[in-house]
Protein backbone atom coordinates (compact mmCIF):
# COMPACT_ATOMS: atom_id res chain seq x y z
CA UNK A 1 62.18 -183.30 31.24
CA UNK A 2 62.61 -182.15 27.52
CA UNK A 3 58.87 -182.98 26.63
CA UNK A 4 56.21 -180.52 27.64
CA UNK A 5 53.60 -181.24 30.21
CA UNK A 6 49.86 -181.06 29.38
CA UNK A 7 47.75 -179.65 32.20
CA UNK A 8 44.03 -179.87 32.66
CA UNK A 9 41.40 -179.38 35.21
CA UNK A 10 38.93 -182.22 36.58
CA UNK A 11 35.91 -181.39 38.65
CA UNK A 12 33.93 -184.24 39.98
CA UNK A 13 30.59 -184.31 41.82
CA UNK A 14 30.29 -186.85 44.54
CA UNK A 15 28.93 -187.71 47.96
CA UNK A 16 30.17 -185.72 50.83
CA UNK A 17 31.57 -188.81 52.70
CA UNK A 18 34.17 -189.68 49.93
CA UNK A 19 37.47 -188.13 50.79
CA UNK A 20 39.64 -186.15 48.46
CA UNK A 21 42.52 -188.42 49.22
CA UNK A 22 40.67 -191.25 47.95
CA UNK A 23 39.71 -189.67 44.71
CA UNK A 24 43.21 -188.48 44.39
CA UNK A 25 44.58 -192.08 44.90
CA UNK A 26 42.34 -193.42 42.14
CA UNK A 27 43.28 -190.63 39.67
CA UNK A 28 46.89 -191.41 40.29
CA UNK A 29 46.62 -195.09 40.09
CA UNK A 30 44.61 -194.88 36.81
CA UNK A 31 46.91 -192.24 35.36
CA UNK A 32 50.04 -194.39 35.93
CA UNK A 33 53.35 -193.08 34.92
CA UNK A 34 52.00 -190.63 32.51
CA UNK A 35 50.14 -188.69 35.06
CA UNK A 36 53.09 -186.68 36.58
CA UNK A 37 50.99 -184.63 39.19
CA UNK A 38 47.65 -184.54 40.71
CA UNK A 39 46.74 -181.44 43.03
CA UNK A 40 43.43 -180.76 44.62
CA UNK A 41 42.88 -176.92 44.18
CA UNK A 42 39.00 -176.59 45.20
CA UNK A 43 36.40 -178.16 47.35
CA UNK A 44 32.78 -176.92 47.08
CA UNK A 45 29.78 -177.59 48.90
CA UNK A 46 26.52 -175.58 48.22
CA UNK A 47 22.72 -175.92 47.89
CA UNK A 48 23.09 -176.07 43.95
CA UNK A 49 24.83 -179.41 44.20
CA UNK A 50 22.18 -181.14 46.56
CA UNK A 51 22.20 -182.72 50.02
CA UNK A 52 25.34 -184.38 51.06
CA UNK A 53 27.23 -183.73 47.77
CA UNK A 54 30.49 -181.77 47.20
CA UNK A 55 32.68 -180.76 44.06
CA UNK A 56 36.17 -181.52 44.02
CA UNK A 57 38.28 -179.89 41.49
CA UNK A 58 41.86 -181.21 40.57
CA UNK A 59 44.73 -180.02 38.40
CA UNK A 60 46.21 -182.90 36.44
CA UNK A 61 49.56 -182.71 34.87
CA UNK A 62 50.43 -185.34 32.18
CA UNK A 63 53.93 -185.84 30.83
CA UNK A 64 55.85 -188.55 29.02
CA UNK A 65 59.52 -188.91 29.45
CA UNK A 66 60.00 -189.88 25.74
CA UNK A 67 57.61 -187.88 23.49
CA UNK A 68 54.95 -185.15 23.57
CA UNK A 69 51.71 -186.46 24.38
CA UNK A 70 48.73 -186.13 21.79
CA UNK A 71 45.45 -184.89 22.50
CA UNK A 72 43.88 -188.31 21.90
CA UNK A 73 46.14 -189.95 24.41
CA UNK A 74 45.25 -187.48 27.02
CA UNK A 75 41.55 -187.83 26.30
CA UNK A 76 41.73 -191.75 26.54
CA UNK A 77 43.54 -191.41 29.86
CA UNK A 78 41.06 -188.84 31.12
CA UNK A 79 38.14 -191.16 29.98
CA UNK A 80 39.76 -194.07 31.79
CA UNK A 81 40.14 -191.97 35.05
CA UNK A 82 36.57 -190.62 34.79
CA UNK A 83 35.06 -194.26 34.15
CA UNK A 84 36.99 -195.48 37.24
CA UNK A 85 35.77 -192.58 39.50
CA UNK A 86 32.24 -193.25 38.36
CA UNK A 87 32.42 -196.93 39.17
CA UNK A 88 34.31 -196.86 42.46
CA UNK A 89 33.16 -193.77 44.05
CA UNK A 90 29.94 -192.73 42.28
CA UNK A 91 31.41 -189.45 41.04
CA UNK A 92 30.14 -187.55 37.89
CA UNK A 93 31.95 -184.86 35.90
CA UNK A 94 30.62 -181.50 37.23
CA UNK A 95 28.81 -179.63 34.61
CA UNK A 96 28.25 -182.92 32.65
């Protein structure tokens, strides 16, 4: 592709019984064609998070085939992903 990718990390806090695969599927579906890649790179469980909670961290790669994506386009797509994760699996952004 001739247009540069935009990479960002997204860490979510959620119940321990929600699978990483389920979260990744929601991210991919919501991101659509603009979301080129989703990679899980960290799973954390610890006392600081609370009972039956875990943190999943994903690296997201956004890329459009016909243009360079703007910061506002990425922000809108990220907000859409976060809202859907909150609604469907009760996730919250880690550190928020």
